[in-house]
Amino acid sequence: MAGAAMPTLLLAGGQGAGVTTLLEQLRAHGKGMCVPGRTLKLHSTVGQNVVDMKVNGQGLKVIEVGGVMLSHAYRQIDVHDPLSGVLYVIDLSSPKDLAVTAVELYNLIANEKLRAQHVPFLVVLNKSDAPSRLPFAAAVEHLGLAHIDADVQYIEASGSTGHNVGEIADWVADKVLRHLSAP
């Protein structure tokens, strides 16, 4: 598609979920620099951060919305037309925040504009390396992820160590980068 807009990915999640760390791991992966097991320590994003990056050699605009500004994610849906995908990050090490996080996730999934555009979602159950984390299967069950009637997939990952970052990049390449060309 000549002159087509660069696909746009919304990257959001609850405060402290590891959204910024995951973004940096994805950027490193795109440059061939992601080293699983290498721990990243970053400061959280306040507000939003817009980054152009490459996934599998293709350009992608990522709008990262910091957790304290999660309501700002809804405005991005109207400003950036169309979104090509949503990565939503949930902190497995903070089970007490799952109810609030689930409400925010379900609000995004239920957004009429995103549903009309058939925007795919990947829910990243992050911090799989945390010693006090909620087990993956328990989180999937608690959040009802297997029962969502939309294009939603989920994966366990660790932004700080890079665990499953390659699989997340593959999802972006398959679902997001091809989204604009889909019927």
N, C-alpha and C. Protein backbone atom coordinates (compact mmCIF):
# COMPACT_ATOMS: atom_id res chain seq x y z
N MET A 1 0.84 -1.18 0.00
CA MET A 1 0.00 0.00 0.00
C MET A 1 0.88 1.23 0.00
N ALA A 2 1.03 1.88 -1.13
CA ALA A 2 1.86 3.06 -1.24
C ALA A 2 1.22 4.20 -0.47
N GLY A 3 2.04 4.91 0.30
CA GLY A 3 1.56 6.05 1.06
C GLY A 3 0.74 5.70 2.28
N ALA A 4 0.67 4.45 2.64
CA ALA A 4 -0.12 4.02 3.79
C ALA A 4 0.54 4.50 5.08
N ALA A 5 -0.29 4.78 6.07
CA ALA A 5 0.21 5.19 7.37
C ALA A 5 0.93 4.03 8.04
N MET A 6 1.90 4.39 8.88
CA MET A 6 2.61 3.37 9.64
C MET A 6 1.65 2.74 10.64
N PRO A 7 1.63 1.42 10.76
CA PRO A 7 0.78 0.78 11.77
C PRO A 7 1.08 1.34 13.16
N THR A 8 0.03 1.47 13.96
CA THR A 8 0.16 2.06 15.29
C THR A 8 -0.31 1.07 16.35
N LEU A 9 0.54 0.87 17.34
CA LEU A 9 0.27 -0.04 18.45
C LEU A 9 0.10 0.77 19.72
N LEU A 10 -0.99 0.55 20.44
CA LEU A 10 -1.17 1.15 21.76
C LEU A 10 -0.61 0.17 22.78
N LEU A 11 0.32 0.64 23.60
CA LEU A 11 0.95 -0.17 24.65
C LEU A 11 0.56 0.46 25.98
N ALA A 12 -0.25 -0.25 26.76
CA ALA A 12 -0.77 0.31 28.00
C ALA A 12 -0.81 -0.76 29.08
N GLY A 13 -1.04 -0.33 30.29
CA GLY A 13 -1.15 -1.26 31.41
C GLY A 13 -1.24 -0.49 32.71
N GLY A 14 -1.47 -1.21 33.78
CA GLY A 14 -1.58 -0.58 35.08
C GLY A 14 -0.25 0.00 35.57
N GLN A 15 -0.34 0.87 36.55
CA GLN A 15 0.85 1.50 37.12
C GLN A 15 1.79 0.43 37.67
N GLY A 16 3.05 0.50 37.26
CA GLY A 16 4.06 -0.44 37.74
C GLY A 16 4.01 -1.81 37.09
N ALA A 17 3.21 -1.97 36.03
CA ALA A 17 3.06 -3.27 35.38
C ALA A 17 4.28 -3.66 34.55
N GLY A 18 5.12 -2.70 34.21
CA GLY A 18 6.31 -2.99 33.41
C GLY A 18 6.17 -2.63 31.95
N VAL A 19 5.28 -1.69 31.64
CA VAL A 19 5.02 -1.28 30.27
C VAL A 19 6.29 -0.71 29.62
N THR A 20 6.96 0.20 30.31
CA THR A 20 8.17 0.83 29.77
C THR A 20 9.28 -0.20 29.57
N THR A 21 9.44 -1.08 30.51
CA THR A 21 10.47 -2.11 30.41
C THR A 21 10.19 -3.03 29.23
N LEU A 22 8.94 -3.41 29.05
CA LEU A 22 8.59 -4.26 27.92
C LEU A 22 8.86 -3.54 26.60
N LEU A 23 8.52 -2.27 26.53
CA LEU A 23 8.80 -1.49 25.32
C LEU A 23 10.29 -1.49 25.00
N GLU A 24 11.11 -1.28 26.00
CA GLU A 24 12.57 -1.25 25.76
C GLU A 24 13.09 -2.61 25.32
N GLN A 25 12.53 -3.68 25.87
CA GLN A 25 12.93 -5.02 25.42
C GLN A 25 12.50 -5.25 23.97
N LEU A 26 11.32 -4.79 23.60
CA LEU A 26 10.86 -4.93 22.21
C LEU A 26 11.73 -4.12 21.26
N ARG A 27 12.11 -2.92 21.69
CA ARG A 27 13.00 -2.09 20.86
C ARG A 27 14.35 -2.78 20.69
N ALA A 28 14.87 -3.33 21.77
CA ALA A 28 16.15 -4.04 21.70
C ALA A 28 16.03 -5.27 20.80
N HIS A 29 14.92 -5.97 20.90
CA HIS A 29 14.69 -7.15 20.05
C HIS A 29 14.69 -6.75 18.58
N GLY A 30 14.04 -5.62 18.27
CA GLY A 30 13.98 -5.13 16.90
C GLY A 30 15.33 -4.78 16.33
N LYS A 31 16.27 -4.47 17.22
CA LYS A 31 17.64 -4.15 16.80
C LYS A 31 18.56 -5.35 16.92
N GLY A 32 17.98 -6.51 17.27
CA GLY A 32 18.80 -7.71 17.45
C GLY A 32 19.63 -7.67 18.72
N MET A 33 19.20 -6.87 19.69
CA MET A 33 19.99 -6.69 20.92
C MET A 33 19.33 -7.25 22.17
N CYS A 34 18.16 -7.86 22.03
CA CYS A 34 17.49 -8.40 23.20
C CYS A 34 18.24 -9.65 23.67
N VAL A 35 18.63 -9.63 24.91
CA VAL A 35 19.36 -10.76 25.47
C VAL A 35 18.52 -11.32 26.62
N PRO A 36 17.80 -12.42 26.39
CA PRO A 36 17.02 -13.00 27.49
C PRO A 36 17.91 -13.24 28.70
N GLY A 37 17.40 -12.87 29.85
CA GLY A 37 18.17 -13.02 31.08
C GLY A 37 18.86 -11.74 31.51
N ARG A 38 19.05 -10.80 30.57
CA ARG A 38 19.64 -9.50 30.94
C ARG A 38 18.54 -8.67 31.58
N THR A 39 18.74 -8.24 32.80
CA THR A 39 17.72 -7.50 33.52
C THR A 39 17.80 -6.02 33.22
N LEU A 40 16.66 -5.43 32.89
CA LEU A 40 16.55 -3.99 32.66
C LEU A 40 15.91 -3.34 33.87
N LYS A 41 16.42 -2.19 34.25
CA LYS A 41 15.82 -1.38 35.31
C LYS A 41 15.59 0.00 34.72
N LEU A 42 14.33 0.41 34.62
CA LEU A 42 13.98 1.69 34.02
C LEU A 42 13.03 2.44 34.93
N HIS A 43 12.87 3.73 34.63
CA HIS A 43 11.87 4.54 35.33
C HIS A 43 10.57 4.49 34.56
N SER A 44 9.46 4.51 35.25
CA SER A 44 8.15 4.45 34.62
C SER A 44 7.89 5.69 33.78
N THR A 45 7.10 5.51 32.75
CA THR A 45 6.68 6.63 31.92
C THR A 45 5.51 7.32 32.60
N VAL A 46 5.57 8.64 32.66
CA VAL A 46 4.47 9.44 33.16
C VAL A 46 3.87 10.12 31.93
N GLY A 47 2.57 9.93 31.72
CA GLY A 47 1.95 10.48 30.52
C GLY A 47 2.08 9.49 29.38
N GLN A 48 2.57 9.97 28.25
CA GLN A 48 2.72 9.08 27.11
C GLN A 48 4.07 9.27 26.46
N ASN A 49 4.47 8.26 25.72
CA ASN A 49 5.73 8.22 25.00
C ASN A 49 5.41 7.64 23.62
N VAL A 50 5.78 8.35 22.56
CA VAL A 50 5.55 7.85 21.20
C VAL A 50 6.90 7.48 20.61
N VAL A 51 7.01 6.25 20.15
CA VAL A 51 8.27 5.70 19.65
C VAL A 51 8.04 5.07 18.29
N ASP A 52 8.92 5.38 17.34
CA ASP A 52 8.94 4.64 16.07
C ASP A 52 10.00 3.57 16.21
N MET A 53 9.66 2.36 15.82
CA MET A 53 10.61 1.25 15.94
C MET A 53 10.37 0.28 14.79
N LYS A 54 11.19 -0.75 14.72
CA LYS A 54 11.06 -1.77 13.70
C LYS A 54 10.80 -3.11 14.37
N VAL A 55 9.89 -3.87 13.76
CA VAL A 55 9.62 -5.25 14.15
C VAL A 55 9.72 -6.07 12.88
N ASN A 56 10.62 -7.03 12.90
CA ASN A 56 10.88 -7.85 11.70
C ASN A 56 11.14 -6.98 10.47
N GLY A 57 11.85 -5.87 10.68
CA GLY A 57 12.24 -5.00 9.59
C GLY A 57 11.16 -4.04 9.11
N GLN A 58 9.99 -4.07 9.71
CA GLN A 58 8.89 -3.20 9.31
C GLN A 58 8.68 -2.10 10.35
N GLY A 59 8.34 -0.90 9.87
CA GLY A 59 8.11 0.24 10.75
C GLY A 59 6.84 0.10 11.56
N LEU A 60 6.88 0.59 12.78
CA LEU A 60 5.76 0.53 13.70
C LEU A 60 5.83 1.74 14.63
N LYS A 61 4.70 2.42 14.79
CA LYS A 61 4.62 3.50 15.78
C LYS A 61 3.98 2.91 17.04
N VAL A 62 4.65 3.11 18.18
CA VAL A 62 4.14 2.62 19.45
C VAL A 62 3.80 3.81 20.33
N ILE A 63 2.57 3.83 20.82
CA ILE A 63 2.14 4.85 21.78
C ILE A 63 2.09 4.17 23.13
N GLU A 64 3.05 4.50 23.97
CA GLU A 64 3.10 3.94 25.33
C GLU A 64 2.39 4.90 26.26
N VAL A 65 1.43 4.38 27.01
CA VAL A 65 0.69 5.18 27.97
C VAL A 65 1.03 4.69 29.35
N GLY A 66 1.59 5.57 30.16
CA GLY A 66 1.97 5.21 31.53
C GLY A 66 0.76 4.87 32.36
N GLY A 67 0.94 3.95 33.31
CA GLY A 67 -0.16 3.44 34.13
C GLY A 67 -0.91 4.50 34.91
N VAL A 68 -0.22 5.54 35.36
CA VAL A 68 -0.93 6.57 36.11
C VAL A 68 -1.83 7.40 35.20
N MET A 69 -1.65 7.25 33.89
CA MET A 69 -2.45 7.99 32.92
C MET A 69 -3.29 7.04 32.08
N LEU A 70 -3.68 5.90 32.62
CA LEU A 70 -4.36 4.89 31.83
C LEU A 70 -5.62 5.41 31.16
N SER A 71 -6.33 6.32 31.83
CA SER A 71 -7.53 6.88 31.19
C SER A 71 -7.17 7.62 29.91
N HIS A 72 -5.92 8.07 29.80
CA HIS A 72 -5.43 8.74 28.59
C HIS A 72 -5.42 7.78 27.40
N ALA A 73 -5.34 6.50 27.66
CA ALA A 73 -5.34 5.51 26.58
C ALA A 73 -6.62 5.61 25.76
N TYR A 74 -7.73 5.91 26.40
CA TYR A 74 -8.99 6.01 25.68
C TYR A 74 -8.97 7.16 24.69
N ARG A 75 -8.32 8.27 25.06
CA ARG A 75 -8.22 9.40 24.13
C ARG A 75 -7.36 9.05 22.93
N GLN A 76 -6.37 8.17 23.11
CA GLN A 76 -5.52 7.78 22.00
C GLN A 76 -6.30 7.03 20.93
N ILE A 77 -7.35 6.36 21.33
CA ILE A 77 -8.18 5.62 20.38
C ILE A 77 -8.81 6.60 19.39
N ASP A 78 -9.22 7.77 19.88
CA ASP A 78 -9.84 8.76 19.01
C ASP A 78 -8.82 9.56 18.22
N VAL A 79 -7.66 9.82 18.79
CA VAL A 79 -6.65 10.64 18.14
C VAL A 79 -5.95 9.89 17.03
N HIS A 80 -5.64 8.63 17.24
CA HIS A 80 -4.87 7.83 16.28
C HIS A 80 -5.80 6.88 15.55
N ASP A 81 -6.06 7.21 14.29
CA ASP A 81 -7.03 6.44 13.53
C ASP A 81 -6.34 5.83 12.34
N PRO A 82 -6.30 4.58 12.18
CA PRO A 82 -6.77 3.56 13.13
C PRO A 82 -5.61 3.01 13.96
N LEU A 83 -5.94 2.48 15.11
CA LEU A 83 -4.96 1.70 15.85
C LEU A 83 -4.91 0.33 15.19
N SER A 84 -3.73 -0.24 15.12
CA SER A 84 -3.55 -1.54 14.48
C SER A 84 -3.50 -2.67 15.48
N GLY A 85 -3.34 -2.35 16.76
CA GLY A 85 -3.29 -3.37 17.80
C GLY A 85 -3.11 -2.74 19.16
N VAL A 86 -3.38 -3.55 20.19
CA VAL A 86 -3.21 -3.12 21.57
C VAL A 86 -2.44 -4.21 22.31
N LEU A 87 -1.37 -3.78 22.98
CA LEU A 87 -0.65 -4.63 23.93
C LEU A 87 -1.04 -4.11 25.31
N TYR A 88 -1.64 -4.95 26.12
CA TYR A 88 -2.05 -4.54 27.46
C TYR A 88 -1.26 -5.36 28.47
N VAL A 89 -0.53 -4.67 29.35
CA VAL A 89 0.39 -5.33 30.27
C VAL A 89 -0.22 -5.40 31.67
N ILE A 90 -0.19 -6.60 32.24
CA ILE A 90 -0.72 -6.84 33.59
C ILE A 90 0.41 -7.39 34.46
N ASP A 91 0.49 -6.90 35.67
CA ASP A 91 1.54 -7.27 36.62
C ASP A 91 1.12 -8.50 37.42
N LEU A 92 1.76 -9.64 37.11
CA LEU A 92 1.47 -10.88 37.85
C LEU A 92 1.94 -10.82 39.30
N SER A 93 2.86 -9.92 39.61
CA SER A 93 3.39 -9.85 40.98
C SER A 93 2.50 -9.02 41.90
N SER A 94 1.40 -8.49 41.38
CA SER A 94 0.51 -7.66 42.18
C SER A 94 -0.94 -8.14 42.07
N PRO A 95 -1.23 -9.32 42.64
CA PRO A 95 -2.59 -9.87 42.54
C PRO A 95 -3.68 -8.94 43.08
N LYS A 96 -3.32 -8.09 44.06
CA LYS A 96 -4.31 -7.19 44.65
C LYS A 96 -4.82 -6.16 43.64
N ASP A 97 -4.04 -5.90 42.58
CA ASP A 97 -4.45 -4.92 41.57
C ASP A 97 -5.18 -5.54 40.38
N LEU A 98 -5.37 -6.86 40.38
CA LEU A 98 -5.97 -7.52 39.23
C LEU A 98 -7.40 -7.05 38.94
N ALA A 99 -8.19 -6.79 39.93
CA ALA A 99 -9.58 -6.38 39.70
C ALA A 99 -9.63 -5.05 38.95
N VAL A 100 -8.85 -4.08 39.41
CA VAL A 100 -8.81 -2.77 38.74
C VAL A 100 -8.26 -2.92 37.33
N THR A 101 -7.20 -3.69 37.19
CA THR A 101 -6.58 -3.91 35.88
C THR A 101 -7.56 -4.59 34.94
N ALA A 102 -8.31 -5.55 35.45
CA ALA A 102 -9.28 -6.26 34.62
C ALA A 102 -10.36 -5.32 34.11
N VAL A 103 -10.83 -4.41 34.96
CA VAL A 103 -11.85 -3.45 34.54
C VAL A 103 -11.31 -2.58 33.41
N GLU A 104 -10.10 -2.08 33.56
CA GLU A 104 -9.49 -1.25 32.51
C GLU A 104 -9.34 -2.03 31.21
N LEU A 105 -8.88 -3.26 31.31
CA LEU A 105 -8.71 -4.11 30.12
C LEU A 105 -10.06 -4.33 29.44
N TYR A 106 -11.06 -4.70 30.19
CA TYR A 106 -12.38 -4.97 29.61
C TYR A 106 -12.98 -3.70 29.00
N ASN A 107 -12.73 -2.54 29.60
CA ASN A 107 -13.20 -1.29 29.01
C ASN A 107 -12.56 -1.05 27.65
N LEU A 108 -11.28 -1.33 27.53
CA LEU A 108 -10.60 -1.18 26.23
C LEU A 108 -11.16 -2.17 25.22
N ILE A 109 -11.30 -3.42 25.62
CA ILE A 109 -11.81 -4.45 24.72
C ILE A 109 -13.23 -4.11 24.25
N ALA A 110 -14.02 -3.52 25.12
CA ALA A 110 -15.41 -3.19 24.78
C ALA A 110 -15.55 -1.89 23.99
N ASN A 111 -14.47 -1.15 23.81
CA ASN A 111 -14.53 0.12 23.09
C ASN A 111 -15.11 -0.10 21.69
N GLU A 112 -16.18 0.62 21.38
CA GLU A 112 -16.89 0.42 20.11
C GLU A 112 -16.00 0.66 18.90
N LYS A 113 -15.17 1.68 18.96
CA LYS A 113 -14.31 1.99 17.82
C LYS A 113 -13.31 0.87 17.57
N LEU A 114 -12.71 0.35 18.64
CA LEU A 114 -11.75 -0.74 18.48
C LEU A 114 -12.43 -2.00 17.98
N ARG A 115 -13.62 -2.28 18.49
CA ARG A 115 -14.36 -3.47 18.04
C ARG A 115 -14.75 -3.35 16.56
N ALA A 116 -15.17 -2.16 16.16
CA ALA A 116 -15.56 -1.95 14.77
C ALA A 116 -14.36 -2.12 13.83
N GLN A 117 -13.17 -1.77 14.32
CA GLN A 117 -11.95 -1.90 13.51
C GLN A 117 -11.32 -3.28 13.63
N HIS A 118 -11.90 -4.14 14.47
CA HIS A 118 -11.38 -5.50 14.70
C HIS A 118 -9.92 -5.45 15.14
N VAL A 119 -9.63 -4.56 16.08
CA VAL A 119 -8.27 -4.38 16.57
C VAL A 119 -7.89 -5.57 17.46
N PRO A 120 -6.78 -6.24 17.14
CA PRO A 120 -6.35 -7.37 17.97
C PRO A 120 -5.69 -6.90 19.27
N PHE A 121 -5.84 -7.70 20.30
CA PHE A 121 -5.25 -7.42 21.61
C PHE A 121 -4.30 -8.56 21.98
N LEU A 122 -3.20 -8.19 22.60
CA LEU A 122 -2.35 -9.18 23.27
C LEU A 122 -2.22 -8.73 24.72
N VAL A 123 -2.69 -9.58 25.62
CA VAL A 123 -2.57 -9.31 27.05
C VAL A 123 -1.27 -9.97 27.50
N VAL A 124 -0.35 -9.16 28.01
CA VAL A 124 0.95 -9.65 28.46
C VAL A 124 0.90 -9.75 29.98
N LEU A 125 0.93 -10.99 30.48
CA LEU A 125 0.95 -11.22 31.92
C LEU A 125 2.43 -11.17 32.31
N ASN A 126 2.83 -9.99 32.76
CA ASN A 126 4.23 -9.64 32.94
C ASN A 126 4.74 -9.97 34.36
N LYS A 127 6.03 -9.97 34.46
CA LYS A 127 6.76 -10.24 35.71
C LYS A 127 6.66 -11.72 36.10
N SER A 128 6.76 -12.57 35.08
CA SER A 128 6.71 -14.02 35.32
C SER A 128 7.89 -14.50 36.14
N ASP A 129 8.90 -13.64 36.28
CA ASP A 129 10.10 -13.98 37.04
C ASP A 129 9.99 -13.58 38.52
N ALA A 130 8.93 -12.88 38.89
CA ALA A 130 8.79 -12.41 40.28
C ALA A 130 8.51 -13.59 41.20
N PRO A 131 9.19 -13.65 42.35
CA PRO A 131 9.00 -14.78 43.26
C PRO A 131 7.59 -14.88 43.83
N SER A 132 6.89 -13.76 44.00
CA SER A 132 5.56 -13.78 44.62
C SER A 132 4.45 -13.59 43.59
N ARG A 133 4.69 -14.00 42.37
CA ARG A 133 3.71 -13.78 41.29
C ARG A 133 2.52 -14.73 41.41
N LEU A 134 1.42 -14.30 40.80
CA LEU A 134 0.27 -15.17 40.65
C LEU A 134 0.59 -16.13 39.51
N PRO A 135 0.35 -17.42 39.67
CA PRO A 135 0.63 -18.34 38.57
C PRO A 135 -0.16 -17.97 37.31
N PHE A 136 0.45 -18.21 36.17
CA PHE A 136 -0.13 -17.85 34.88
C PHE A 136 -1.55 -18.38 34.72
N ALA A 137 -1.76 -19.67 34.94
CA ALA A 137 -3.09 -20.28 34.76
C ALA A 137 -4.12 -19.64 35.70
N ALA A 138 -3.72 -19.34 36.92
CA ALA A 138 -4.63 -18.70 37.87
C ALA A 138 -5.00 -17.30 37.41
N ALA A 139 -4.04 -16.56 36.85
CA ALA A 139 -4.31 -15.21 36.35
C ALA A 139 -5.25 -15.26 35.16
N VAL A 140 -5.01 -16.19 34.24
CA VAL A 140 -5.89 -16.34 33.07
C VAL A 140 -7.32 -16.63 33.52
N GLU A 141 -7.46 -17.53 34.49
CA GLU A 141 -8.79 -17.87 35.00
C GLU A 141 -9.42 -16.69 35.73
N HIS A 142 -8.66 -16.05 36.61
CA HIS A 142 -9.17 -14.92 37.40
C HIS A 142 -9.64 -13.78 36.50
N LEU A 143 -8.89 -13.51 35.41
CA LEU A 143 -9.22 -12.43 34.49
C LEU A 143 -10.27 -12.84 33.45
N GLY A 144 -10.57 -14.13 33.36
CA GLY A 144 -11.54 -14.61 32.38
C GLY A 144 -11.07 -14.48 30.95
N LEU A 145 -9.76 -14.52 30.73
CA LEU A 145 -9.20 -14.28 29.41
C LEU A 145 -9.63 -15.31 28.37
N ALA A 146 -9.85 -16.54 28.80
CA ALA A 146 -10.23 -17.59 27.86
C ALA A 146 -11.67 -17.44 27.38
N HIS A 147 -12.43 -16.55 27.99
CA HIS A 147 -13.85 -16.42 27.68
C HIS A 147 -14.22 -15.10 27.00
N ILE A 148 -13.23 -14.33 26.60
CA ILE A 148 -13.49 -13.03 25.97
C ILE A 148 -13.90 -13.24 24.52
N ASP A 149 -14.99 -12.58 24.14
CA ASP A 149 -15.51 -12.69 22.78
C ASP A 149 -14.92 -11.55 21.92
N ALA A 150 -13.64 -11.65 21.63
CA ALA A 150 -12.94 -10.66 20.80
C ALA A 150 -11.61 -11.28 20.40
N ASP A 151 -10.87 -10.59 19.55
CA ASP A 151 -9.56 -11.07 19.12
C ASP A 151 -8.54 -10.74 20.21
N VAL A 152 -8.52 -11.57 21.25
CA VAL A 152 -7.63 -11.35 22.39
C VAL A 152 -6.82 -12.62 22.61
N GLN A 153 -5.51 -12.44 22.64
CA GLN A 153 -4.61 -13.53 23.00
C GLN A 153 -3.86 -13.10 24.24
N TYR A 154 -3.20 -14.03 24.89
CA TYR A 154 -2.47 -13.70 26.11
C TYR A 154 -1.22 -14.55 26.18
N ILE A 155 -0.23 -13.98 26.89
CA ILE A 155 1.07 -14.63 27.01
C ILE A 155 1.71 -14.23 28.34
N GLU A 156 2.46 -15.15 28.90
CA GLU A 156 3.24 -14.85 30.10
C GLU A 156 4.60 -14.35 29.64
N ALA A 157 5.13 -13.33 30.31
CA ALA A 157 6.41 -12.75 29.90
C ALA A 157 7.10 -12.08 31.07
N SER A 158 8.33 -11.68 30.83
CA SER A 158 9.07 -10.85 31.77
C SER A 158 9.78 -9.77 30.98
N GLY A 159 9.30 -8.56 31.12
CA GLY A 159 9.96 -7.44 30.47
C GLY A 159 11.36 -7.22 31.01
N SER A 160 11.56 -7.49 32.28
CA SER A 160 12.89 -7.23 32.86
C SER A 160 13.94 -8.22 32.39
N THR A 161 13.56 -9.48 32.12
CA THR A 161 14.55 -10.46 31.68
C THR A 161 14.47 -10.77 30.18
N GLY A 162 13.39 -10.34 29.53
CA GLY A 162 13.23 -10.61 28.10
C GLY A 162 12.52 -11.91 27.80
N HIS A 163 12.06 -12.62 28.83
CA HIS A 163 11.35 -13.89 28.62
C HIS A 163 10.11 -13.67 27.74
N ASN A 164 10.03 -14.38 26.62
CA ASN A 164 8.93 -14.35 25.65
C ASN A 164 8.81 -13.05 24.87
N VAL A 165 9.81 -12.18 24.92
CA VAL A 165 9.76 -10.95 24.12
C VAL A 165 9.77 -11.29 22.63
N GLY A 166 10.49 -12.31 22.22
CA GLY A 166 10.48 -12.73 20.82
C GLY A 166 9.10 -13.16 20.37
N GLU A 167 8.37 -13.86 21.22
CA GLU A 167 7.01 -14.28 20.89
C GLU A 167 6.07 -13.08 20.80
N ILE A 168 6.28 -12.09 21.65
CA ILE A 168 5.47 -10.87 21.58
C ILE A 168 5.75 -10.15 20.26
N ALA A 169 7.02 -10.06 19.88
CA ALA A 169 7.38 -9.43 18.60
C ALA A 169 6.76 -10.20 17.43
N ASP A 170 6.73 -11.53 17.52
CA ASP A 170 6.09 -12.33 16.47
C ASP A 170 4.60 -12.02 16.38
N TRP A 171 3.93 -11.86 17.53
CA TRP A 171 2.52 -11.51 17.53
C TRP A 171 2.32 -10.14 16.87
N VAL A 172 3.17 -9.18 17.22
CA VAL A 172 3.07 -7.85 16.62
C VAL A 172 3.22 -7.95 15.10
N ALA A 173 4.20 -8.72 14.65
CA ALA A 173 4.43 -8.87 13.20
C ALA A 173 3.22 -9.53 12.53
N ASP A 174 2.67 -10.56 13.16
CA ASP A 174 1.57 -11.32 12.57
C ASP A 174 0.24 -10.59 12.65
N LYS A 175 -0.08 -10.02 13.79
CA LYS A 175 -1.40 -9.44 14.02
C LYS A 175 -1.48 -7.95 13.75
N VAL A 176 -0.43 -7.21 14.12
CA VAL A 176 -0.49 -5.74 14.05
C VAL A 176 0.00 -5.23 12.70
N LEU A 177 1.14 -5.70 12.26
CA LEU A 177 1.70 -5.19 11.02
C LEU A 177 0.87 -5.60 9.81
N ARG A 178 0.17 -6.70 9.92
CA ARG A 178 -0.70 -7.16 8.83
C ARG A 178 -2.13 -6.67 8.99
N HIS A 179 -2.44 -6.02 10.13
CA HIS A 179 -3.82 -5.61 10.43
C HIS A 179 -4.38 -4.63 9.39
N LEU A 180 -3.58 -3.67 8.97
CA LEU A 180 -4.07 -2.66 8.04
C LEU A 180 -4.38 -3.25 6.66
N SER A 181 -3.69 -4.32 6.30
CA SER A 181 -3.92 -4.92 4.99
C SER A 181 -5.00 -6.00 5.01
N ALA A 182 -5.50 -6.32 6.22
CA ALA A 182 -6.53 -7.35 6.33
C ALA A 182 -7.87 -6.80 5.83
N PRO A 183 -8.72 -7.67 5.30
CA PRO A 183 -10.04 -7.21 4.80
C PRO A 183 -10.93 -6.73 5.92
